[in-house]
Amino acid sequence: MSVNTKLASSASGALFFTLVVIYASGYYQLVQSHMMLTLILTLFFPLVFFPLVKPVENDDEIKRILYLESGFNLVCFVMICHWVDVSYLDNALMVFFGIQTMGFIWVQLKTHAYLSVVVSLCLGGAIAQWIHSSGNTLYLGSAELLLFGTPVPWQLKVIYGAWLIQLLFVEYKHVLPKMVPAAIHIASYTIAIFADDFFHARIITASHFLFLNLCFDFKSPNWGVNNLSCLQTFTKIVCSQKVQWSISGVMIMISVLSFWSLVG
């Protein structure tokens, strides 16, 4: 790959990431602006356009996560509408987080990603600690919520970031050098970091992108223009065995120390 091609690929990646951040931010702002938009964008949109879904790599797992996160979106919508006592809905959210965490760990055990299991256990434990020390979800007006009435602590955000890096660059290293999926998830995480409610923002945007991935297959090397966000040199470095072990080791260390700080 020539120098010009490398520069073009890097530039296209940076531009794509910026556009995704803008898109995700606008999408989340719309979801929060009115309950009808919440209903349309998070629940009706996937139903109406489900015929566009096509077979993609790992689509069974993607659909499982999408269905689960659609349940999360439904619970949040019911919270906004005040149709059910919030304590019951908070219990539903606890079940959601429990099932999602166990699902990730089950897949990691199935694929022998044992180092990733350690990070997921820290993430699950941190979520449990956050929920345990919190109260009931608060309705903030329009279509805004504060899950469990307490902002997500910085330690949990850090652990989630470590979990995401482990997922994108270790478990899903086979997707590289295509950086489109990584750019999308990192953009979603970035929006969540600066949102009033971290998990609400992360799951709302992530579920939307999961559905779009089922329709457009962002993981495919042929998606988009040639060399869009394809970082060959980065991939060679990241996919080396030594770097893979280093990434996992650092992510485990960050997760364990952050969890210790949270519960200590």
C-alpha atoms as a PDB file:
ATOM      1  CA  MET A   1       0.000   0.000   0.000  1.00  0.00           C
ATOM      2  CA  SER A   2       1.437   3.365  -1.058  1.00  0.00           C
ATOM      3  CA  VAL A   3       1.961   6.297   1.280  1.00  0.00           C
ATOM      4  CA  ASN A   4      -0.824   8.238  -0.431  1.00  0.00           C
ATOM      5  CA  THR A   5      -3.202   5.325  -0.014  1.00  0.00           C
ATOM      6  CA  LYS A   6      -2.325   5.030   3.673  1.00  0.00           C
ATOM      7  CA  LEU A   7      -2.907   8.741   4.194  1.00  0.00           C
ATOM      8  CA  ALA A   8      -6.197   8.605   2.313  1.00  0.00           C
ATOM      9  CA  SER A   9      -7.348   5.642   4.389  1.00  0.00           C
ATOM     10  CA  SER A  10      -6.415   7.363   7.650  1.00  0.00           C
ATOM     11  CA  ALA A  11      -8.099  10.591   6.574  1.00  0.00           C
ATOM     12  CA  SER A  12     -11.241   8.756   5.514  1.00  0.00           C
ATOM     13  CA  GLY A  13     -11.270   6.970   8.861  1.00  0.00           C
ATOM     14  CA  ALA A  14     -11.018  10.223  10.799  1.00  0.00           C
ATOM     15  CA  LEU A  15     -13.742  11.806   8.681  1.00  0.00           C
ATOM     16  CA  PHE A  16     -15.981   8.759   9.038  1.00  0.00           C
ATOM     17  CA  PHE A  17     -15.541   8.732  12.824  1.00  0.00           C
ATOM     18  CA  THR A  18     -16.417  12.434  13.014  1.00  0.00           C
ATOM     19  CA  LEU A  19     -19.540  11.923  10.922  1.00  0.00           C
ATOM     20  CA  VAL A  20     -20.616   8.958  13.048  1.00  0.00           C
ATOM     21  CA  VAL A  21     -20.194  10.997  16.246  1.00  0.00           C
ATOM     22  CA  ILE A  22     -22.336  13.768  14.755  1.00  0.00           C
ATOM     23  CA  TYR A  23     -24.949  11.276  13.557  1.00  0.00           C
ATOM     24  CA  ALA A  24     -25.070   9.385  16.869  1.00  0.00           C
ATOM     25  CA  SER A  25     -25.272  12.608  18.853  1.00  0.00           C
ATOM     26  CA  GLY A  26     -28.130  13.891  16.720  1.00  0.00           C
ATOM     27  CA  TYR A  27     -29.931  10.560  16.909  1.00  0.00           C
ATOM     28  CA  TYR A  28     -29.689  10.454  20.696  1.00  0.00           C
ATOM     29  CA  GLN A  29     -30.826  14.057  21.031  1.00  0.00           C
ATOM     30  CA  LEU A  30     -33.886  13.257  18.924  1.00  0.00           C
ATOM     31  CA  VAL A  31     -34.662  10.194  21.038  1.00  0.00           C
ATOM     32  CA  GLN A  32     -34.539  12.333  24.172  1.00  0.00           C
ATOM     33  CA  SER A  33     -36.555  15.217  22.754  1.00  0.00           C
ATOM     34  CA  HIS A  34     -40.041  13.665  22.778  1.00  0.00           C
ATOM     35  CA  MET A  35     -41.643  10.378  23.760  1.00  0.00           C
ATOM     36  CA  MET A  36     -43.131   9.894  20.290  1.00  0.00           C
ATOM     37  CA  LEU A  37     -39.694  10.183  18.725  1.00  0.00           C
ATOM     38  CA  THR A  38     -38.428   7.703  21.303  1.00  0.00           C
ATOM     39  CA  LEU A  39     -41.143   5.284  20.223  1.00  0.00           C
ATOM     40  CA  ILE A  40     -40.547   5.807  16.505  1.00  0.00           C
ATOM     41  CA  LEU A  41     -36.742   5.731  16.510  1.00  0.00           C
ATOM     42  CA  THR A  42     -36.036   3.016  19.070  1.00  0.00           C
ATOM     43  CA  LEU A  43     -38.974   0.642  18.542  1.00  0.00           C
ATOM     44  CA  PHE A  44     -40.889   1.320  15.315  1.00  0.00           C
ATOM     45  CA  PHE A  45     -37.849   1.972  13.122  1.00  0.00           C
ATOM     46  CA  PRO A  46     -36.375  -1.547  13.504  1.00  0.00           C
ATOM     47  CA  LEU A  47     -39.791  -3.132  13.013  1.00  0.00           C
ATOM     48  CA  VAL A  48     -40.645  -1.174   9.878  1.00  0.00           C
ATOM     49  CA  PHE A  49     -37.274  -1.700   8.226  1.00  0.00           C
ATOM     50  CA  PHE A  50     -36.661  -5.261   9.429  1.00  0.00           C
ATOM     51  CA  PRO A  51     -37.233  -6.598   5.875  1.00  0.00           C
ATOM     52  CA  LEU A  52     -33.936  -4.908   4.958  1.00  0.00           C
ATOM     53  CA  VAL A  53     -32.029  -7.221   7.303  1.00  0.00           C
ATOM     54  CA  LYS A  54     -29.736  -9.606   5.439  1.00  0.00           C
ATOM     55  CA  PRO A  55     -27.397 -12.428   6.441  1.00  0.00           C
ATOM     56  CA  VAL A  56     -24.156 -11.060   7.873  1.00  0.00           C
ATOM     57  CA  GLU A  57     -21.267 -12.534   9.795  1.00  0.00           C
ATOM     58  CA  ASN A  58     -22.257 -13.534  13.317  1.00  0.00           C
ATOM     59  CA  ASP A  59     -25.817 -12.365  12.704  1.00  0.00           C
ATOM     60  CA  ASP A  60     -27.322 -14.759  15.266  1.00  0.00           C
ATOM     61  CA  GLU A  61     -25.358 -13.127  18.078  1.00  0.00           C
ATOM     62  CA  ILE A  62     -26.070  -9.635  16.739  1.00  0.00           C
ATOM     63  CA  LYS A  63     -29.795 -10.367  16.617  1.00  0.00           C
ATOM     64  CA  ARG A  64     -29.726 -11.787  20.135  1.00  0.00           C
ATOM     65  CA  ILE A  65     -28.126  -8.593  21.438  1.00  0.00           C
ATOM     66  CA  LEU A  66     -30.467  -6.441  19.344  1.00  0.00           C
ATOM     67  CA  TYR A  67     -33.572  -8.189  20.686  1.00  0.00           C
ATOM     68  CA  LEU A  68     -32.298  -7.836  24.241  1.00  0.00           C
ATOM     69  CA  GLU A  69     -31.459  -4.162  23.796  1.00  0.00           C
ATOM     70  CA  SER A  70     -34.831  -3.584  22.144  1.00  0.00           C
ATOM     71  CA  GLY A  71     -36.309  -4.878  25.392  1.00  0.00           C
ATOM     72  CA  PHE A  72     -34.225  -2.274  27.200  1.00  0.00           C
ATOM     73  CA  ASN A  73     -35.567   0.402  24.840  1.00  0.00           C
ATOM     74  CA  LEU A  74     -39.121  -0.758  25.508  1.00  0.00           C
ATOM     75  CA  VAL A  75     -38.632  -0.578  29.275  1.00  0.00           C
ATOM     76  CA  CYS A  76     -37.216   2.939  28.957  1.00  0.00           C
ATOM     77  CA  PHE A  77     -40.170   4.007  26.814  1.00  0.00           C
ATOM     78  CA  VAL A  78     -42.638   2.652  29.378  1.00  0.00           C
ATOM     79  CA  MET A  79     -40.740   4.577  32.058  1.00  0.00           C
ATOM     80  CA  ILE A  80     -41.182   7.778  30.086  1.00  0.00           C
ATOM     81  CA  CYS A  81     -44.905   7.107  29.714  1.00  0.00           C
ATOM     82  CA  HIS A  82     -45.360   6.361  33.450  1.00  0.00           C
ATOM     83  CA  TRP A  83     -47.545   3.357  32.662  1.00  0.00           C
ATOM     84  CA  VAL A  84     -45.969   1.082  35.275  1.00  0.00           C
ATOM     85  CA  ASP A  85     -44.500   1.744  38.699  1.00  0.00           C
ATOM     86  CA  VAL A  86     -40.826   2.567  38.229  1.00  0.00           C
ATOM     87  CA  SER A  87     -39.677   0.047  40.838  1.00  0.00           C
ATOM     88  CA  TYR A  88     -40.958  -2.823  38.691  1.00  0.00           C
ATOM     89  CA  LEU A  89     -39.261  -1.390  35.636  1.00  0.00           C
ATOM     90  CA  ASP A  90     -36.005  -0.984  37.537  1.00  0.00           C
ATOM     91  CA  ASN A  91     -36.210  -4.689  38.314  1.00  0.00           C
ATOM     92  CA  ALA A  92     -36.602  -5.315  34.586  1.00  0.00           C
ATOM     93  CA  LEU A  93     -33.466  -3.256  33.950  1.00  0.00           C
ATOM     94  CA  MET A  94     -31.576  -5.322  36.522  1.00  0.00           C
ATOM     95  CA  VAL A  95     -32.634  -8.462  34.681  1.00  0.00           C
ATOM     96  CA  PHE A  96     -31.490  -6.889  31.412  1.00  0.00           C
ATOM     97  CA  PHE A  97     -28.025  -6.066  32.726  1.00  0.00           C
ATOM     98  CA  GLY A  98     -27.729  -9.512  34.281  1.00  0.00           C
ATOM     99  CA  ILE A  99     -28.725 -11.353  31.107  1.00  0.00           C
ATOM    100  CA  GLN A 100     -26.506  -9.187  28.933  1.00  0.00           C
ATOM    101  CA  THR A 101     -23.476  -9.697  31.161  1.00  0.00           C
ATOM    102  CA  MET A 102     -24.008 -13.454  31.376  1.00  0.00           C
ATOM    103  CA  GLY A 103     -24.543 -13.565  27.617  1.00  0.00           C
ATOM    104  CA  PHE A 104     -21.226 -11.876  26.918  1.00  0.00           C
ATOM    105  CA  ILE A 105     -19.415 -14.170  29.339  1.00  0.00           C
ATOM    106  CA  TRP A 106     -21.068 -17.249  27.829  1.00  0.00           C
ATOM    107  CA  VAL A 107     -19.925 -16.261  24.328  1.00  0.00           C
ATOM    108  CA  GLN A 108     -16.407 -15.554  25.590  1.00  0.00           C
ATOM    109  CA  LEU A 109     -16.214 -18.929  27.311  1.00  0.00           C
ATOM    110  CA  LYS A 110     -17.556 -20.581  24.180  1.00  0.00           C
ATOM    111  CA  THR A 111     -14.864 -18.936  22.046  1.00  0.00           C
ATOM    112  CA  HIS A 112     -12.148 -19.548  24.683  1.00  0.00           C
ATOM    113  CA  ALA A 113     -11.619 -15.805  25.193  1.00  0.00           C
ATOM    114  CA  TYR A 114     -10.747 -16.380  28.832  1.00  0.00           C
ATOM    115  CA  LEU A 115      -8.876 -13.120  29.362  1.00  0.00           C
ATOM    116  CA  SER A 116     -11.928 -11.249  28.109  1.00  0.00           C
ATOM    117  CA  VAL A 117     -14.014 -13.060  30.719  1.00  0.00           C
ATOM    118  CA  VAL A 118     -11.993 -11.359  33.456  1.00  0.00           C
ATOM    119  CA  VAL A 119     -12.825  -7.930  32.037  1.00  0.00           C
ATOM    120  CA  SER A 120     -16.496  -8.870  31.663  1.00  0.00           C
ATOM    121  CA  LEU A 121     -16.629 -10.067  35.270  1.00  0.00           C
ATOM    122  CA  CYS A 122     -15.221  -6.726  36.415  1.00  0.00           C
ATOM    123  CA  LEU A 123     -17.782  -4.938  34.265  1.00  0.00           C
ATOM    124  CA  GLY A 124     -20.647  -7.017  35.619  1.00  0.00           C
ATOM    125  CA  GLY A 125     -19.462  -6.515  39.183  1.00  0.00           C
ATOM    126  CA  ALA A 126     -19.141  -2.767  38.679  1.00  0.00           C
ATOM    127  CA  ILE A 127     -22.650  -2.566  37.226  1.00  0.00           C
ATOM    128  CA  ALA A 128     -23.987  -4.533  40.193  1.00  0.00           C
ATOM    129  CA  GLN A 129     -22.199  -2.203  42.618  1.00  0.00           C
ATOM    130  CA  TRP A 130     -23.592   0.872  40.848  1.00  0.00           C
ATOM    131  CA  ILE A 131     -27.138  -0.491  40.946  1.00  0.00           C
ATOM    132  CA  HIS A 132     -26.796  -1.592  44.574  1.00  0.00           C
ATOM    133  CA  SER A 133     -25.703   1.878  45.685  1.00  0.00           C
ATOM    134  CA  SER A 134     -28.381   3.668  43.649  1.00  0.00           C
ATOM    135  CA  GLY A 135     -32.121   4.265  43.939  1.00  0.00           C
ATOM    136  CA  ASN A 136     -35.013   4.368  41.503  1.00  0.00           C
ATOM    137  CA  THR A 137     -34.784   5.677  37.959  1.00  0.00           C
ATOM    138  CA  LEU A 138     -35.619   9.369  37.647  1.00  0.00           C
ATOM    139  CA  TYR A 139     -37.688  10.945  34.889  1.00  0.00           C
ATOM    140  CA  LEU A 140     -36.030  14.235  33.951  1.00  0.00           C
ATOM    141  CA  GLY A 141     -38.644  15.581  31.560  1.00  0.00           C
ATOM    142  CA  SER A 142     -39.288  15.262  27.798  1.00  0.00           C
ATOM    143  CA  ALA A 143     -37.912  11.781  27.122  1.00  0.00           C
ATOM    144  CA  GLU A 144     -34.891  11.948  29.408  1.00  0.00           C
ATOM    145  CA  LEU A 145     -34.092   9.427  32.121  1.00  0.00           C
ATOM    146  CA  LEU A 146     -31.444   8.909  34.759  1.00  0.00           C
ATOM    147  CA  LEU A 147     -31.231   5.165  35.230  1.00  0.00           C
ATOM    148  CA  PHE A 148     -31.377   4.146  38.890  1.00  0.00           C
ATOM    149  CA  GLY A 149     -31.311   7.826  39.815  1.00  0.00           C
ATOM    150  CA  THR A 150     -27.519   7.975  40.015  1.00  0.00           C
ATOM    151  CA  PRO A 151     -24.944   8.960  37.383  1.00  0.00           C
ATOM    152  CA  VAL A 152     -22.631   6.157  36.327  1.00  0.00           C
ATOM    153  CA  PRO A 153     -19.353   6.500  38.283  1.00  0.00           C
ATOM    154  CA  TRP A 154     -16.186   7.193  36.346  1.00  0.00           C
ATOM    155  CA  GLN A 155     -14.730   3.831  37.336  1.00  0.00           C
ATOM    156  CA  LEU A 156     -17.571   2.021  35.596  1.00  0.00           C
ATOM    157  CA  LYS A 157     -17.106   4.139  32.475  1.00  0.00           C
ATOM    158  CA  VAL A 158     -13.407   3.260  32.469  1.00  0.00           C
ATOM    159  CA  ILE A 159     -14.113  -0.454  32.896  1.00  0.00           C
ATOM    160  CA  TYR A 160     -16.641  -0.324  30.071  1.00  0.00           C
ATOM    161  CA  GLY A 161     -14.043   1.381  27.878  1.00  0.00           C
ATOM    162  CA  ALA A 162     -11.528  -1.359  28.682  1.00  0.00           C
ATOM    163  CA  TRP A 163     -14.158  -4.000  27.918  1.00  0.00           C
ATOM    164  CA  LEU A 164     -14.906  -2.317  24.585  1.00  0.00           C
ATOM    165  CA  ILE A 165     -11.246  -2.147  23.568  1.00  0.00           C
ATOM    166  CA  GLN A 166     -10.824  -5.814  24.463  1.00  0.00           C
ATOM    167  CA  LEU A 167     -13.869  -6.654  22.369  1.00  0.00           C
ATOM    168  CA  LEU A 168     -12.929  -4.611  19.311  1.00  0.00           C
ATOM    169  CA  PHE A 169      -9.203  -5.265  19.085  1.00  0.00           C
ATOM    170  CA  VAL A 170      -8.811  -8.718  20.619  1.00  0.00           C
ATOM    171  CA  GLU A 171     -12.033 -10.694  20.268  1.00  0.00           C
ATOM    172  CA  TYR A 172     -12.938  -9.095  16.927  1.00  0.00           C
ATOM    173  CA  LYS A 173      -9.432  -8.697  15.569  1.00  0.00           C
ATOM    174  CA  HIS A 174     -10.474 -10.727  12.519  1.00  0.00           C
ATOM    175  CA  VAL A 175     -12.536  -7.732  11.380  1.00  0.00           C
ATOM    176  CA  LEU A 176      -9.378  -5.640  11.037  1.00  0.00           C
ATOM    177  CA  PRO A 177      -8.023  -3.825   9.055  1.00  0.00           C
ATOM    178  CA  LYS A 178     -11.591  -2.607   8.511  1.00  0.00           C
ATOM    179  CA  MET A 179     -12.033  -0.020  11.265  1.00  0.00           C
ATOM    180  CA  VAL A 180     -15.654   0.879  10.514  1.00  0.00           C
ATOM    181  CA  PRO A 181     -17.189  -1.272  13.310  1.00  0.00           C
ATOM    182  CA  ALA A 182     -14.603   0.008  15.796  1.00  0.00           C
ATOM    183  CA  ALA A 183     -15.237   3.617  14.766  1.00  0.00           C
ATOM    184  CA  ILE A 184     -18.985   3.150  15.205  1.00  0.00           C
ATOM    185  CA  HIS A 185     -18.730   1.616  18.675  1.00  0.00           C
ATOM    186  CA  ILE A 186     -16.121   4.105  19.860  1.00  0.00           C
ATOM    187  CA  ALA A 187     -18.328   6.943  18.600  1.00  0.00           C
ATOM    188  CA  SER A 188     -21.273   5.509  20.543  1.00  0.00           C
ATOM    189  CA  TYR A 189     -19.080   5.196  23.643  1.00  0.00           C
ATOM    190  CA  THR A 190     -17.888   8.781  23.198  1.00  0.00           C
ATOM    191  CA  ILE A 191     -21.479  10.048  23.089  1.00  0.00           C
ATOM    192  CA  ALA A 192     -22.265   8.027  26.213  1.00  0.00           C
ATOM    193  CA  ILE A 193     -19.267   9.398  28.118  1.00  0.00           C
ATOM    194  CA  PHE A 194     -20.578  12.943  27.798  1.00  0.00           C
ATOM    195  CA  ALA A 195     -24.272  12.114  28.206  1.00  0.00           C
ATOM    196  CA  ASP A 196     -26.161  12.642  31.452  1.00  0.00           C
ATOM    197  CA  ASP A 197     -26.987   8.929  31.499  1.00  0.00           C
ATOM    198  CA  PHE A 198     -24.113   6.772  30.266  1.00  0.00           C
ATOM    199  CA  PHE A 199     -25.866   3.449  29.744  1.00  0.00           C
ATOM    200  CA  HIS A 200     -29.026   4.968  28.323  1.00  0.00           C
ATOM    201  CA  ALA A 201     -26.992   6.784  25.671  1.00  0.00           C
ATOM    202  CA  ARG A 202     -24.710   3.839  24.974  1.00  0.00           C
ATOM    203  CA  ILE A 203     -27.449   1.241  24.579  1.00  0.00           C
ATOM    204  CA  ILE A 204     -29.802   3.500  22.611  1.00  0.00           C
ATOM    205  CA  THR A 205     -27.103   4.345  20.065  1.00  0.00           C
ATOM    206  CA  ALA A 206     -25.512   0.883  20.048  1.00  0.00           C
ATOM    207  CA  SER A 207     -28.810  -0.880  19.360  1.00  0.00           C
ATOM    208  CA  HIS A 208     -29.459   1.501  16.468  1.00  0.00           C
ATOM    209  CA  PHE A 209     -26.062   0.757  14.960  1.00  0.00           C
ATOM    210  CA  LEU A 210     -26.532  -2.979  15.493  1.00  0.00           C
ATOM    211  CA  PHE A 211     -29.695  -2.835  13.430  1.00  0.00           C
ATOM    212  CA  LEU A 212     -27.993  -0.793  10.715  1.00  0.00           C
ATOM    213  CA  ASN A 213     -25.171  -3.341  10.667  1.00  0.00           C
ATOM    214  CA  LEU A 214     -27.687  -6.108   9.986  1.00  0.00           C
ATOM    215  CA  CYS A 215     -28.926  -4.068   7.037  1.00  0.00           C
ATOM    216  CA  PHE A 216     -25.618  -2.843   5.599  1.00  0.00           C
ATOM    217  CA  ASP A 217     -22.962  -5.222   7.008  1.00  0.00           C
ATOM    218  CA  PHE A 218     -20.397  -2.683   8.197  1.00  0.00           C
ATOM    219  CA  LYS A 219     -17.929  -5.493   8.925  1.00  0.00           C
ATOM    220  CA  SER A 220     -17.664  -6.437   5.274  1.00  0.00           C
ATOM    221  CA  PRO A 221     -14.366  -5.405   3.638  1.00  0.00           C
ATOM    222  CA  ASN A 222     -16.423  -4.334   0.627  1.00  0.00           C
ATOM    223  CA  TRP A 223     -18.653  -1.910   2.534  1.00  0.00           C
ATOM    224  CA  GLY A 224     -18.104   1.711   1.590  1.00  0.00           C
ATOM    225  CA  VAL A 225     -15.497   3.063  -0.773  1.00  0.00           C
ATOM    226  CA  ASN A 226     -12.166   1.329  -1.289  1.00  0.00           C
ATOM    227  CA  ASN A 227      -9.858   1.445   1.735  1.00  0.00           C
ATOM    228  CA  LEU A 228     -12.434   3.255   3.878  1.00  0.00           C
ATOM    229  CA  SER A 229     -10.965   3.157   7.388  1.00  0.00           C
ATOM    230  CA  CYS A 230      -8.603   0.305   6.499  1.00  0.00           C
ATOM    231  CA  LEU A 231      -5.482   0.646   8.632  1.00  0.00           C
ATOM    232  CA  GLN A 232      -3.069  -2.031   7.453  1.00  0.00           C
ATOM    233  CA  THR A 233      -0.041  -0.985   9.496  1.00  0.00           C
ATOM    234  CA  PHE A 234      -2.115  -0.582  12.652  1.00  0.00           C
ATOM    235  CA  THR A 235      -3.574  -4.041  12.080  1.00  0.00           C
ATOM    236  CA  LYS A 236      -0.172  -5.682  11.697  1.00  0.00           C
ATOM    237  CA  ILE A 237       0.913  -4.196  15.002  1.00  0.00           C
ATOM    238  CA  VAL A 238      -2.282  -4.899  16.934  1.00  0.00           C
ATOM    239  CA  CYS A 239      -2.706  -8.457  15.685  1.00  0.00           C
ATOM    240  CA  SER A 240       0.776  -9.601  16.666  1.00  0.00           C
ATOM    241  CA  GLN A 241       0.647 -12.111  19.504  1.00  0.00           C
ATOM    242  CA  LYS A 242       2.783  -9.986  21.809  1.00  0.00           C
ATOM    243  CA  VAL A 243       0.564  -6.929  21.391  1.00  0.00           C
ATOM    244  CA  GLN A 244      -2.575  -9.022  21.802  1.00  0.00           C
ATOM    245  CA  TRP A 245      -1.320 -10.289  25.154  1.00  0.00           C
ATOM    246  CA  SER A 246      -0.305  -6.753  26.100  1.00  0.00           C
ATOM    247  CA  ILE A 247      -3.729  -5.318  25.269  1.00  0.00           C
ATOM    248  CA  SER A 248      -5.475  -7.992  27.306  1.00  0.00           C
ATOM    249  CA  GLY A 249      -3.080  -7.541  30.210  1.00  0.00           C
ATOM    250  CA  VAL A 250      -3.508  -3.774  30.289  1.00  0.00           C
ATOM    251  CA  MET A 251      -7.303  -4.001  29.975  1.00  0.00           C
ATOM    252  CA  ILE A 252      -7.453  -6.520  32.820  1.00  0.00           C
ATOM    253  CA  MET A 253      -5.242  -4.324  34.991  1.00  0.00           C
ATOM    254  CA  ILE A 254      -7.351  -1.232  34.262  1.00  0.00           C
ATOM    255  CA  SER A 255     -10.564  -3.136  34.956  1.00  0.00           C
ATOM    256  CA  VAL A 256      -9.381  -4.682  38.216  1.00  0.00           C
ATOM    257  CA  LEU A 257      -7.918  -1.434  39.561  1.00  0.00           C
ATOM    258  CA  SER A 258     -11.009   0.553  38.582  1.00  0.00           C
ATOM    259  CA  PHE A 259     -13.280  -2.026  40.180  1.00  0.00           C
ATOM    260  CA  TRP A 260     -11.167  -1.977  43.335  1.00  0.00           C
ATOM    261  CA  SER A 261     -11.437   1.819  43.404  1.00  0.00           C
ATOM    262  CA  LEU A 262     -15.207   1.601  42.983  1.00  0.00           C
ATOM    263  CA  VAL A 263     -15.886  -0.870  45.773  1.00  0.00           C
ATOM    264  CA  GLY A 264     -13.059   0.183  48.074  1.00  0.00           C
END
